[in-house]
């Protein structure tokens, strides 16, 4: 399984970035081999428009099974992510990446319904 986190930094102790589109980093954790891959997303953090869509396209190419983030994707990003059939968990921005992974494994994160984004 591949789990993608929006992150303010590059490691397990980094915080979940509350922003989906303008997240500084995307961390992709592969549960099959326990690898954590860092994707620099700073190229979109200062975009006036289209940051969410640009990030969603990056995420689409990474093809995660799960996304863990803060506030969730905006409407334009959600349109792209719907095609992934990915589960998105939101409101994790008060936690580190490691804490959010533990909460995901315990089933205590909030699942976003795409109907909320339609």
PDB file of N, CA and C in Angstrom:
ATOM      1  N   UNK A   1       0.850  -1.180   0.000  1.00  0.00           N
ATOM      2  CA  UNK A   1       0.000   0.000   0.000  1.00  0.00           C
ATOM      3  C   UNK A   1       0.892   1.238   0.000  1.00  0.00           C
ATOM      4  N   UNK A   2       0.455   2.252  -0.736  1.00  0.00           N
ATOM      5  CA  UNK A   2       1.174   3.522  -0.758  1.00  0.00           C
ATOM      6  C   UNK A   2       0.317   4.589  -0.077  1.00  0.00           C
ATOM      7  N   UNK A   3       0.922   5.246   0.915  1.00  0.00           N
ATOM      8  CA  UNK A   3       0.247   6.296   1.678  1.00  0.00           C
ATOM      9  C   UNK A   3       0.986   7.607   1.432  1.00  0.00           C
ATOM     10  N   UNK A   4       0.254   8.617   0.990  1.00  0.00           N
ATOM     11  CA  UNK A   4       0.847   9.920   0.716  1.00  0.00           C
ATOM     12  C   UNK A   4       0.435  10.913   1.799  1.00  0.00           C
ATOM     13  N   UNK A   5       1.408  11.637   2.322  1.00  0.00           N
ATOM     14  CA  UNK A   5       1.180  12.662   3.345  1.00  0.00           C
ATOM     15  C   UNK A   5       1.527  14.035   2.771  1.00  0.00           C
ATOM     16  N   UNK A   6       0.719  15.050   3.061  1.00  0.00           N
ATOM     17  CA  UNK A   6       1.153  16.425   2.809  1.00  0.00           C
ATOM     18  C   UNK A   6       1.981  16.824   4.022  1.00  0.00           C
ATOM     19  N   UNK A   7       3.142  17.410   3.793  1.00  0.00           N
ATOM     20  CA  UNK A   7       4.074  17.607   4.895  1.00  0.00           C
ATOM     21  C   UNK A   7       4.759  18.965   4.848  1.00  0.00           C
ATOM     22  N   UNK A   8       5.124  19.449   6.036  1.00  0.00           N
ATOM     23  CA  UNK A   8       5.887  20.688   6.150  1.00  0.00           C
ATOM     24  C   UNK A   8       7.386  20.428   6.096  1.00  0.00           C
ATOM     25  N   UNK A   9       7.787  19.168   6.124  1.00  0.00           N
ATOM     26  CA  UNK A   9       9.203  18.815   6.117  1.00  0.00           C
ATOM     27  C   UNK A   9       9.444  17.486   5.433  1.00  0.00           C
ATOM     28  N   UNK A  10      10.640  16.938   5.650  1.00  0.00           N
ATOM     29  CA  UNK A  10      11.092  15.785   4.882  1.00  0.00           C
ATOM     30  C   UNK A  10      11.172  14.476   5.654  1.00  0.00           C
ATOM     31  N   UNK A  11      10.658  14.425   6.872  1.00  0.00           N
ATOM     32  CA  UNK A  11      10.826  13.198   7.646  1.00  0.00           C
ATOM     33  C   UNK A  11       9.646  12.869   8.531  1.00  0.00           C
ATOM     34  N   UNK A  12       9.782  11.775   9.255  1.00  0.00           N
ATOM     35  CA  UNK A  12       8.707  11.257  10.110  1.00  0.00           C
ATOM     36  C   UNK A  12       8.277  12.240  11.189  1.00  0.00           C
ATOM     37  N   UNK A  13       9.188  13.092  11.663  1.00  0.00           N
ATOM     38  CA  UNK A  13       8.830  14.036  12.733  1.00  0.00           C
ATOM     39  C   UNK A  13       8.219  15.330  12.190  1.00  0.00           C
ATOM     40  N   UNK A  14       8.208  15.493  10.875  1.00  0.00           N
ATOM     41  CA  UNK A  14       7.591  16.678  10.263  1.00  0.00           C
ATOM     42  C   UNK A  14       6.094  16.679  10.516  1.00  0.00           C
ATOM     43  N   UNK A  15       5.510  17.864  10.436  1.00  0.00           N
ATOM     44  CA  UNK A  15       4.068  18.007  10.662  1.00  0.00           C
ATOM     45  C   UNK A  15       3.305  17.800   9.357  1.00  0.00           C
ATOM     46  N   UNK A  16       2.071  17.334   9.490  1.00  0.00           N
ATOM     47  CA  UNK A  16       1.170  17.287   8.342  1.00  0.00           C
ATOM     48  C   UNK A  16       0.902  18.729   7.923  1.00  0.00           C
ATOM     49  N   UNK A  17       1.076  19.020   6.645  1.00  0.00           N
ATOM     50  CA  UNK A  17       0.773  20.361   6.140  1.00  0.00           C
ATOM     51  C   UNK A  17      -0.741  20.466   6.002  1.00  0.00           C
ATOM     52  N   UNK A  18      -1.365  21.486   6.587  1.00  0.00           N
ATOM     53  CA  UNK A  18      -2.821  21.601   6.486  1.00  0.00           C
ATOM     54  C   UNK A  18      -3.287  21.873   5.058  1.00  0.00           C
ATOM     55  N   UNK A  19      -2.393  22.385   4.225  1.00  0.00           N
ATOM     56  CA  UNK A  19      -2.752  22.722   2.845  1.00  0.00           C
ATOM     57  C   UNK A  19      -2.467  21.527   1.942  1.00  0.00           C
ATOM     58  N   UNK A  20      -3.411  21.194   1.099  1.00  0.00           N
ATOM     59  CA  UNK A  20      -3.146  20.143   0.122  1.00  0.00           C
ATOM     60  C   UNK A  20      -2.350  20.717  -1.049  1.00  0.00           C
ATOM     61  N   UNK A  21      -2.910  21.677  -1.740  1.00  0.00           N
ATOM     62  CA  UNK A  21      -2.306  22.201  -2.961  1.00  0.00           C
ATOM     63  C   UNK A  21      -0.976  22.879  -2.765  1.00  0.00           C
ATOM     64  N   UNK A  22      -0.814  23.577  -1.670  1.00  0.00           N
ATOM     65  CA  UNK A  22       0.420  24.313  -1.422  1.00  0.00           C
ATOM     66  C   UNK A  22       1.294  23.650  -0.365  1.00  0.00           C
ATOM     67  N   UNK A  23       1.095  22.374  -0.147  1.00  0.00           N
ATOM     68  CA  UNK A  23       1.956  21.639   0.789  1.00  0.00           C
ATOM     69  C   UNK A  23       3.403  21.745   0.309  1.00  0.00           C
ATOM     70  N   UNK A  24       4.317  21.967   1.240  1.00  0.00           N
ATOM     71  CA  UNK A  24       5.726  22.110   0.869  1.00  0.00           C
ATOM     72  C   UNK A  24       6.306  20.810   0.317  1.00  0.00           C
ATOM     73  N   UNK A  25       5.937  19.706   0.960  1.00  0.00           N
ATOM     74  CA  UNK A  25       6.463  18.404   0.556  1.00  0.00           C
ATOM     75  C   UNK A  25       5.342  17.380   0.533  1.00  0.00           C
ATOM     76  N   UNK A  26       5.522  16.381  -0.295  1.00  0.00           N
ATOM     77  CA  UNK A  26       4.667  15.204  -0.307  1.00  0.00           C
ATOM     78  C   UNK A  26       5.561  14.043   0.098  1.00  0.00           C
ATOM     79  N   UNK A  27       5.129  13.284   1.082  1.00  0.00           N
ATOM     80  CA  UNK A  27       5.897  12.120   1.521  1.00  0.00           C
ATOM     81  C   UNK A  27       5.112  10.878   1.144  1.00  0.00           C
ATOM     82  N   UNK A  28       5.743   9.984   0.415  1.00  0.00           N
ATOM     83  CA  UNK A  28       5.088   8.765  -0.040  1.00  0.00           C
ATOM     84  C   UNK A  28       5.689   7.582   0.696  1.00  0.00           C
ATOM     85  N   UNK A  29       4.864   6.960   1.532  1.00  0.00           N
ATOM     86  CA  UNK A  29       5.301   5.805   2.318  1.00  0.00           C
ATOM     87  C   UNK A  29       4.770   4.537   1.666  1.00  0.00           C
ATOM     88  N   UNK A  30       5.676   3.613   1.363  1.00  0.00           N
ATOM     89  CA  UNK A  30       5.306   2.331   0.784  1.00  0.00           C
ATOM     90  C   UNK A  30       5.361   1.287   1.894  1.00  0.00           C
ATOM     91  N   UNK A  31       4.207   0.746   2.253  1.00  0.00           N
ATOM     92  CA  UNK A  31       4.148  -0.211   3.362  1.00  0.00           C
ATOM     93  C   UNK A  31       4.759  -1.558   2.988  1.00  0.00           C
ATOM     94  N   UNK A  32       4.903  -1.830   1.696  1.00  0.00           N
ATOM     95  CA  UNK A  32       5.461  -3.118   1.273  1.00  0.00           C
ATOM     96  C   UNK A  32       6.953  -3.223   1.559  1.00  0.00           C
ATOM     97  N   UNK A  33       7.674  -2.115   1.391  1.00  0.00           N
ATOM     98  CA  UNK A  33       9.120  -2.160   1.638  1.00  0.00           C
ATOM     99  C   UNK A  33       9.586  -1.118   2.660  1.00  0.00           C
ATOM    100  N   UNK A  34       8.641  -0.464   3.321  1.00  0.00           N
ATOM    101  CA  UNK A  34       8.919   0.524   4.374  1.00  0.00           C
ATOM    102  C   UNK A  34       9.795   1.682   3.909  1.00  0.00           C
ATOM    103  N   UNK A  35       9.638   2.088   2.651  1.00  0.00           N
ATOM    104  CA  UNK A  35      10.406   3.229   2.160  1.00  0.00           C
ATOM    105  C   UNK A  35       9.570   4.503   2.257  1.00  0.00           C
ATOM    106  N   UNK A  36      10.250   5.596   2.530  1.00  0.00           N
ATOM    107  CA  UNK A  36       9.626   6.912   2.580  1.00  0.00           C
ATOM    108  C   UNK A  36      10.312   7.779   1.526  1.00  0.00           C
ATOM    109  N   UNK A  37       9.558   8.187   0.520  1.00  0.00           N
ATOM    110  CA  UNK A  37      10.087   8.997  -0.573  1.00  0.00           C
ATOM    111  C   UNK A  37       9.611  10.433  -0.400  1.00  0.00           C
ATOM    112  N   UNK A  38      10.537  11.375  -0.514  1.00  0.00           N
ATOM    113  CA  UNK A  38      10.232  12.797  -0.364  1.00  0.00           C
ATOM    114  C   UNK A  38      10.083  13.423  -1.749  1.00  0.00           C
ATOM    115  N   UNK A  39       8.959  14.094  -1.966  1.00  0.00           N
ATOM    116  CA  UNK A  39       8.715  14.810  -3.212  1.00  0.00           C
ATOM    117  C   UNK A  39       8.621  16.295  -2.877  1.00  0.00           C
ATOM    118  N   UNK A  40       9.547  17.076  -3.409  1.00  0.00           N
ATOM    119  CA  UNK A  40       9.558  18.517  -3.173  1.00  0.00           C
ATOM    120  C   UNK A  40       8.410  19.154  -3.955  1.00  0.00           C
ATOM    121  N   UNK A  41       7.546  19.874  -3.267  1.00  0.00           N
ATOM    122  CA  UNK A  41       6.389  20.513  -3.895  1.00  0.00           C
ATOM    123  C   UNK A  41       6.467  22.035  -3.781  1.00  0.00           C
ATOM    124  N   UNK A  42       7.650  22.555  -3.431  1.00  0.00           N
ATOM    125  CA  UNK A  42       7.776  23.995  -3.196  1.00  0.00           C
ATOM    126  C   UNK A  42       7.602  24.820  -4.468  1.00  0.00           C
ATOM    127  N   UNK A  43       7.690  24.187  -5.633  1.00  0.00           N
ATOM    128  CA  UNK A  43       7.520  24.938  -6.884  1.00  0.00           C
ATOM    129  C   UNK A  43       6.108  25.498  -7.031  1.00  0.00           C
ATOM    130  N   UNK A  44       5.141  24.950  -6.305  1.00  0.00           N
ATOM    131  CA  UNK A  44       3.760  25.442  -6.419  1.00  0.00           C
ATOM    132  C   UNK A  44       3.304  26.259  -5.212  1.00  0.00           C
ATOM    133  N   UNK A  45       4.122  26.346  -4.177  1.00  0.00           N
ATOM    134  CA  UNK A  45       3.659  27.001  -2.949  1.00  0.00           C
ATOM    135  C   UNK A  45       3.343  28.477  -3.136  1.00  0.00           C
ATOM    136  N   UNK A  46       3.993  29.139  -4.073  1.00  0.00           N
ATOM    137  CA  UNK A  46       3.750  30.567  -4.281  1.00  0.00           C
ATOM    138  C   UNK A  46       2.929  30.870  -5.526  1.00  0.00           C
ATOM    139  N   UNK A  47       2.360  29.844  -6.142  1.00  0.00           N
ATOM    140  CA  UNK A  47       1.522  30.067  -7.326  1.00  0.00           C
ATOM    141  C   UNK A  47       0.266  30.834  -6.930  1.00  0.00           C
ATOM    142  N   UNK A  48      -0.101  31.799  -7.741  1.00  0.00           N
ATOM    143  CA  UNK A  48      -1.326  32.554  -7.477  1.00  0.00           C
ATOM    144  C   UNK A  48      -2.556  31.697  -7.743  1.00  0.00           C
ATOM    145  N   UNK A  49      -2.485  30.868  -8.768  1.00  0.00           N
ATOM    146  CA  UNK A  49      -3.620  30.023  -9.149  1.00  0.00           C
ATOM    147  C   UNK A  49      -3.106  28.663  -9.602  1.00  0.00           C
ATOM    148  N   UNK A  50      -3.907  27.641  -9.391  1.00  0.00           N
ATOM    149  CA  UNK A  50      -3.598  26.329  -9.939  1.00  0.00           C
ATOM    150  C   UNK A  50      -2.709  25.440  -9.105  1.00  0.00           C
ATOM    151  N   UNK A  51      -2.385  25.850  -7.880  1.00  0.00           N
ATOM    152  CA  UNK A  51      -1.514  25.026  -7.042  1.00  0.00           C
ATOM    153  C   UNK A  51      -2.165  23.685  -6.719  1.00  0.00           C
ATOM    154  N   UNK A  52      -3.447  23.703  -6.406  1.00  0.00           N
ATOM    155  CA  UNK A  52      -4.149  22.466  -6.062  1.00  0.00           C
ATOM    156  C   UNK A  52      -4.177  21.484  -7.209  1.00  0.00           C
ATOM    157  N   UNK A  53      -4.459  21.976  -8.402  1.00  0.00           N
ATOM    158  CA  UNK A  53      -4.486  21.113  -9.584  1.00  0.00           C
ATOM    159  C   UNK A  53      -3.102  20.571  -9.898  1.00  0.00           C
ATOM    160  N   UNK A  54      -2.072  21.413  -9.768  1.00  0.00           N
ATOM    161  CA  UNK A  54      -0.700  20.975 -10.034  1.00  0.00           C
ATOM    162  C   UNK A  54      -0.284  19.883  -9.053  1.00  0.00           C
ATOM    163  N   UNK A  55      -0.609  20.073  -7.785  1.00  0.00           N
ATOM    164  CA  UNK A  55      -0.287  19.059  -6.784  1.00  0.00           C
ATOM    165  C   UNK A  55      -1.082  17.790  -7.033  1.00  0.00           C
ATOM    166  N   UNK A  56      -2.343  17.924  -7.379  1.00  0.00           N
ATOM    167  CA  UNK A  56      -3.177  16.746  -7.651  1.00  0.00           C
ATOM    168  C   UNK A  56      -2.627  15.940  -8.822  1.00  0.00           C
ATOM    169  N   UNK A  57      -2.090  16.614  -9.834  1.00  0.00           N
ATOM    170  CA  UNK A  57      -1.491  15.892 -10.967  1.00  0.00           C
ATOM    171  C   UNK A  57      -0.242  15.130 -10.527  1.00  0.00           C
ATOM    172  N   UNK A  58       0.566  15.737  -9.646  1.00  0.00           N
ATOM    173  CA  UNK A  58       1.730  15.028  -9.094  1.00  0.00           C
ATOM    174  C   UNK A  58       1.277  13.790  -8.339  1.00  0.00           C
ATOM    175  N   UNK A  59       0.270  13.980  -7.502  1.00  0.00           N
ATOM    176  CA  UNK A  59      -0.253  12.873  -6.699  1.00  0.00           C
ATOM    177  C   UNK A  59      -0.824  11.788  -7.606  1.00  0.00           C
ATOM    178  N   UNK A  60      -1.523  12.177  -8.640  1.00  0.00           N
ATOM    179  CA  UNK A  60      -2.101  11.220  -9.589  1.00  0.00           C
ATOM    180  C   UNK A  60      -1.002  10.334 -10.177  1.00  0.00           C
ATOM    181  N   UNK A  61       0.116  10.943 -10.555  1.00  0.00           N
ATOM    182  CA  UNK A  61       1.229  10.185 -11.125  1.00  0.00           C
ATOM    183  C   UNK A  61       1.861   9.233 -10.112  1.00  0.00           C
ATOM    184  N   UNK A  62       1.808   9.578  -8.833  1.00  0.00           N
ATOM    185  CA  UNK A  62       2.361   8.722  -7.775  1.00  0.00           C
ATOM    186  C   UNK A  62       1.429   7.568  -7.427  1.00  0.00           C
ATOM    187  N   UNK A  63       0.153   7.705  -7.749  1.00  0.00           N
ATOM    188  CA  UNK A  63      -0.878   6.669  -7.566  1.00  0.00           C
ATOM    189  C   UNK A  63      -0.930   6.071  -6.156  1.00  0.00           C
ATOM    190  N   UNK A  64      -1.105   6.926  -5.131  1.00  0.00           N
ATOM    191  CA  UNK A  64      -1.232   6.375  -3.779  1.00  0.00           C
ATOM    192  C   UNK A  64      -2.598   5.724  -3.570  1.00  0.00           C
ATOM    193  N   UNK A  65      -2.664   4.860  -2.578  1.00  0.00           N
ATOM    194  CA  UNK A  65      -3.935   4.254  -2.180  1.00  0.00           C
ATOM    195  C   UNK A  65      -4.663   5.145  -1.184  1.00  0.00           C
ATOM    196  N   UNK A  66      -3.873   5.916  -0.423  1.00  0.00           N
ATOM    197  CA  UNK A  66      -4.390   6.743   0.672  1.00  0.00           C
ATOM    198  C   UNK A  66      -3.656   8.081   0.655  1.00  0.00           C
ATOM    199  N   UNK A  67      -4.387   9.152   0.955  1.00  0.00           N
ATOM    200  CA  UNK A  67      -3.793  10.474   1.170  1.00  0.00           C
ATOM    201  C   UNK A  67      -4.175  10.915   2.575  1.00  0.00           C
ATOM    202  N   UNK A  68      -3.190  11.397   3.328  1.00  0.00           N
ATOM    203  CA  UNK A  68      -3.440  11.942   4.661  1.00  0.00           C
ATOM    204  C   UNK A  68      -2.988  13.397   4.636  1.00  0.00           C
ATOM    205  N   UNK A  69      -3.916  14.309   4.949  1.00  0.00           N
ATOM    206  CA  UNK A  69      -3.648  15.735   4.814  1.00  0.00           C
ATOM    207  C   UNK A  69      -4.379  16.511   5.907  1.00  0.00           C
ATOM    208  N   UNK A  70      -4.334  17.822   5.788  1.00  0.00           N
ATOM    209  CA  UNK A  70      -5.020  18.678   6.746  1.00  0.00           C
ATOM    210  C   UNK A  70      -6.432  18.991   6.307  1.00  0.00           C
ATOM    211  N   UNK A  71      -6.570  20.045   5.516  1.00  0.00           N
ATOM    212  CA  UNK A  71      -7.897  20.521   5.126  1.00  0.00           C
ATOM    213  C   UNK A  71      -8.492  19.803   3.930  1.00  0.00           C
ATOM    214  N   UNK A  72      -7.726  19.008   3.246  1.00  0.00           N
ATOM    215  CA  UNK A  72      -8.230  18.300   2.075  1.00  0.00           C
ATOM    216  C   UNK A  72      -8.059  19.107   0.811  1.00  0.00           C
ATOM    217  N   UNK A  73      -8.273  18.475  -0.333  1.00  0.00           N
ATOM    218  CA  UNK A  73      -8.097  19.160  -1.610  1.00  0.00           C
ATOM    219  C   UNK A  73      -9.247  20.115  -1.891  1.00  0.00           C
ATOM    220  N   UNK A  74      -8.944  21.155  -2.658  1.00  0.00           N
ATOM    221  CA  UNK A  74      -9.995  22.043  -3.139  1.00  0.00           C
ATOM    222  C   UNK A  74     -10.778  21.366  -4.248  1.00  0.00           C
ATOM    223  N   UNK A  75     -11.772  22.056  -4.748  1.00  0.00           N
ATOM    224  CA  UNK A  75     -12.668  21.469  -5.748  1.00  0.00           C
ATOM    225  C   UNK A  75     -11.955  21.021  -7.018  1.00  0.00           C
ATOM    226  N   UNK A  76     -11.056  21.848  -7.555  1.00  0.00           N
ATOM    227  CA  UNK A  76     -10.366  21.488  -8.794  1.00  0.00           C
ATOM    228  C   UNK A  76      -9.451  20.283  -8.595  1.00  0.00           C
ATOM    229  N   UNK A  77      -8.757  20.238  -7.477  1.00  0.00           N
ATOM    230  CA  UNK A  77      -7.896  19.091  -7.184  1.00  0.00           C
ATOM    231  C   UNK A  77      -8.732  17.837  -6.960  1.00  0.00           C
ATOM    232  N   UNK A  78      -9.877  17.984  -6.318  1.00  0.00           N
ATOM    233  CA  UNK A  78     -10.747  16.835  -6.044  1.00  0.00           C
ATOM    234  C   UNK A  78     -11.227  16.179  -7.333  1.00  0.00           C
ATOM    235  N   UNK A  79     -11.485  16.986  -8.357  1.00  0.00           N
ATOM    236  CA  UNK A  79     -11.918  16.439  -9.649  1.00  0.00           C
ATOM    237  C   UNK A  79     -10.852  15.487 -10.198  1.00  0.00           C
ATOM    238  N   UNK A  80      -9.592  15.873 -10.098  1.00  0.00           N
ATOM    239  CA  UNK A  80      -8.488  15.033 -10.573  1.00  0.00           C
ATOM    240  C   UNK A  80      -8.352  13.790  -9.707  1.00  0.00           C
ATOM    241  N   UNK A  81      -8.432  13.961  -8.391  1.00  0.00           N
ATOM    242  CA  UNK A  81      -8.212  12.845  -7.467  1.00  0.00           C
ATOM    243  C   UNK A  81      -9.335  11.815  -7.503  1.00  0.00           C
ATOM    244  N   UNK A  82     -10.533  12.222  -7.892  1.00  0.00           N
ATOM    245  CA  UNK A  82     -11.648  11.271  -7.985  1.00  0.00           C
ATOM    246  C   UNK A  82     -11.309  10.116  -8.914  1.00  0.00           C
ATOM    247  N   UNK A  83     -10.530  10.391  -9.941  1.00  0.00           N
ATOM    248  CA  UNK A  83     -10.174   9.363 -10.920  1.00  0.00           C
ATOM    249  C   UNK A  83      -9.189   8.338 -10.358  1.00  0.00           C
ATOM    250  N   UNK A  84      -8.578   8.633  -9.234  1.00  0.00           N
ATOM    251  CA  UNK A  84      -7.626   7.714  -8.608  1.00  0.00           C
ATOM    252  C   UNK A  84      -8.300   6.647  -7.760  1.00  0.00           C
ATOM    253  N   UNK A  85      -9.538   6.900  -7.362  1.00  0.00           N
ATOM    254  CA  UNK A  85     -10.215   6.014  -6.414  1.00  0.00           C
ATOM    255  C   UNK A  85      -9.390   5.880  -5.131  1.00  0.00           C
ATOM    256  N   UNK A  86      -8.899   7.020  -4.653  1.00  0.00           N
ATOM    257  CA  UNK A  86      -8.045   7.085  -3.477  1.00  0.00           C
ATOM    258  C   UNK A  86      -8.879   7.483  -2.263  1.00  0.00           C
ATOM    259  N   UNK A  87      -8.508   6.974  -1.098  1.00  0.00           N
ATOM    260  CA  UNK A  87      -9.149   7.400   0.150  1.00  0.00           C
ATOM    261  C   UNK A  87      -8.358   8.574   0.709  1.00  0.00           C
ATOM    262  N   UNK A  88      -9.074   9.642   1.055  1.00  0.00           N
ATOM    263  CA  UNK A  88      -8.431  10.845   1.578  1.00  0.00           C
ATOM    264  C   UNK A  88      -8.873  11.054   3.021  1.00  0.00           C
ATOM    265  N   UNK A  89      -7.891  11.136   3.902  1.00  0.00           N
ATOM    266  CA  UNK A  89      -8.156  11.378   5.317  1.00  0.00           C
ATOM    267  C   UNK A  89      -7.724  12.802   5.643  1.00  0.00           C
ATOM    268  N   UNK A  90      -8.595  13.533   6.328  1.00  0.00           N
ATOM    269  CA  UNK A  90      -8.379  14.959   6.576  1.00  0.00           C
ATOM    270  C   UNK A  90      -8.309  15.264   8.075  1.00  0.00           C
ATOM    271  N   UNK A  91      -8.004  16.527   8.358  1.00  0.00           N
ATOM    272  CA  UNK A  91      -7.913  17.059   9.728  1.00  0.00           C
ATOM    273  C   UNK A  91      -6.797  16.409  10.538  1.00  0.00           C
ATOM    274  N   UNK A  92      -5.704  16.067   9.855  1.00  0.00           N
ATOM    275  CA  UNK A  92      -4.556  15.468  10.544  1.00  0.00           C
ATOM    276  C   UNK A  92      -3.440  16.486  10.757  1.00  0.00           C
ATOM    277  N   UNK A  93      -3.711  17.771  10.501  1.00  0.00           N
ATOM    278  CA  UNK A  93      -2.664  18.791  10.526  1.00  0.00           C
ATOM    279  C   UNK A  93      -2.089  19.097  11.904  1.00  0.00           C
ATOM    280  N   UNK A  94      -2.661  18.576  12.948  1.00  0.00           N
ATOM    281  CA  UNK A  94      -2.099  18.789  14.284  1.00  0.00           C
ATOM    282  C   UNK A  94      -1.097  17.708  14.669  1.00  0.00           C
ATOM    283  N   UNK A  95      -0.766  16.843  13.727  1.00  0.00           N
ATOM    284  CA  UNK A  95       0.055  15.672  14.039  1.00  0.00           C
ATOM    285  C   UNK A  95       1.313  15.624  13.184  1.00  0.00           C
ATOM    286  N   UNK A  96       2.291  14.888  13.687  1.00  0.00           N
ATOM    287  CA  UNK A  96       3.472  14.596  12.879  1.00  0.00           C
ATOM    288  C   UNK A  96       3.105  13.495  11.886  1.00  0.00           C
ATOM    289  N   UNK A  97       3.973  13.272  10.916  1.00  0.00           N
ATOM    290  CA  UNK A  97       3.745  12.210   9.943  1.00  0.00           C
ATOM    291  C   UNK A  97       3.630  10.868  10.669  1.00  0.00           C
ATOM    292  N   UNK A  98       4.521  10.616  11.591  1.00  0.00           N
ATOM    293  CA  UNK A  98       4.517   9.344  12.339  1.00  0.00           C
ATOM    294  C   UNK A  98       3.229   9.187  13.149  1.00  0.00           C
ATOM    295  N   UNK A  99       2.807  10.259  13.831  1.00  0.00           N
ATOM    296  CA  UNK A  99       1.559  10.202  14.605  1.00  0.00           C
ATOM    297  C   UNK A  99       0.358   9.952  13.695  1.00  0.00           C
ATOM    298  N   UNK A 100       0.347  10.615  12.542  1.00  0.00           N
ATOM    299  CA  UNK A 100      -0.768  10.441  11.603  1.00  0.00           C
ATOM    300  C   UNK A 100      -0.811   9.012  11.067  1.00  0.00           C
ATOM    301  N   UNK A 101       0.354   8.418  10.820  1.00  0.00           N
ATOM    302  CA  UNK A 101       0.392   7.025  10.362  1.00  0.00           C
ATOM    303  C   UNK A 101      -0.162   6.098  11.440  1.00  0.00           C
ATOM    304  N   UNK A 102       0.216   6.329  12.681  1.00  0.00           N
ATOM    305  CA  UNK A 102      -0.308   5.525  13.791  1.00  0.00           C
ATOM    306  C   UNK A 102      -1.822   5.664  13.875  1.00  0.00           C
ATOM    307  N   UNK A 103      -2.321   6.886  13.766  1.00  0.00           N
ATOM    308  CA  UNK A 103      -3.768   7.111  13.824  1.00  0.00           C
ATOM    309  C   UNK A 103      -4.480   6.448  12.646  1.00  0.00           C
ATOM    310  N   UNK A 104      -3.866   6.483  11.470  1.00  0.00           N
ATOM    311  CA  UNK A 104      -4.444   5.798  10.311  1.00  0.00           C
ATOM    312  C   UNK A 104      -4.538   4.297  10.584  1.00  0.00           C
ATOM    313  N   UNK A 105      -3.465   3.728  11.093  1.00  0.00           N
ATOM    314  CA  UNK A 105      -3.444   2.289  11.382  1.00  0.00           C
ATOM    315  C   UNK A 105      -4.463   1.902  12.447  1.00  0.00           C
ATOM    316  N   UNK A 106      -4.764   2.831  13.343  1.00  0.00           N
ATOM    317  CA  UNK A 106      -5.766   2.588  14.393  1.00  0.00           C
ATOM    318  C   UNK A 106      -7.184   2.878  13.908  1.00  0.00           C
ATOM    319  N   UNK A 107      -7.321   3.442  12.719  1.00  0.00           N
ATOM    320  CA  UNK A 107      -8.641   3.768  12.176  1.00  0.00           C
ATOM    321  C   UNK A 107      -9.270   4.997  12.795  1.00  0.00           C
ATOM    322  N   UNK A 108      -8.441   5.937  13.279  1.00  0.00           N
ATOM    323  CA  UNK A 108      -8.998   7.091  13.985  1.00  0.00           C
ATOM    324  C   UNK A 108      -8.870   8.415  13.223  1.00  0.00           C
ATOM    325  N   UNK A 109      -8.602   8.360  11.916  1.00  0.00           N
ATOM    326  CA  UNK A 109      -8.590   9.579  11.110  1.00  0.00           C
ATOM    327  C   UNK A 109      -9.926   9.748  10.402  1.00  0.00           C
ATOM    328  N   UNK A 110     -10.238  10.985  10.044  1.00  0.00           N
ATOM    329  CA  UNK A 110     -11.517  11.315   9.397  1.00  0.00           C
ATOM    330  C   UNK A 110     -11.425  11.119   7.882  1.00  0.00           C
ATOM    331  N   UNK A 111     -12.276  10.249   7.345  1.00  0.00           N
ATOM    332  CA  UNK A 111     -12.316   9.982   5.912  1.00  0.00           C
ATOM    333  C   UNK A 111     -13.154  11.044   5.208  1.00  0.00           C
ATOM    334  N   UNK A 112     -12.592  11.634   4.157  1.00  0.00           N
ATOM    335  CA  UNK A 112     -13.307  12.622   3.357  1.00  0.00           C
ATOM    336  C   UNK A 112     -14.183  11.907   2.345  1.00  0.00           C
ATOM    337  N   UNK A 113     -15.420  12.321   2.274  1.00  0.00           N
ATOM    338  CA  UNK A 113     -16.331  11.800   1.261  1.00  0.00           C
ATOM    339  C   UNK A 113     -16.260  12.719   0.052  1.00  0.00           C
ATOM    340  N   UNK A 114     -16.072  12.155  -1.132  1.00  0.00           N
ATOM    341  CA  UNK A 114     -16.011  12.993  -2.327  1.00  0.00           C
ATOM    342  C   UNK A 114     -17.326  13.697  -2.588  1.00  0.00           C
ATOM    343  N   UNK A 115     -18.428  13.199  -2.047  1.00  0.00           N
ATOM    344  CA  UNK A 115     -19.701  13.906  -2.216  1.00  0.00           C
ATOM    345  C   UNK A 115     -19.658  15.262  -1.516  1.00  0.00           C
ATOM    346  N   UNK A 116     -18.791  15.384  -0.504  1.00  0.00           N
ATOM    347  CA  UNK A 116     -18.611  16.666   0.172  1.00  0.00           C
ATOM    348  C   UNK A 116     -17.904  17.660  -0.743  1.00  0.00           C
ATOM    349  N   UNK A 117     -17.201  17.160  -1.753  1.00  0.00           N
ATOM    350  CA  UNK A 117     -16.423  17.998  -2.649  1.00  0.00           C
ATOM    351  C   UNK A 117     -17.109  18.206  -3.991  1.00  0.00           C
ATOM    352  N   UNK A 118     -18.283  17.633  -4.196  1.00  0.00           N
ATOM    353  CA  UNK A 118     -18.955  17.737  -5.503  1.00  0.00           C
ATOM    354  C   UNK A 118     -19.684  19.046  -5.635  1.00  0.00           C
TER     355      UNK A 118
END
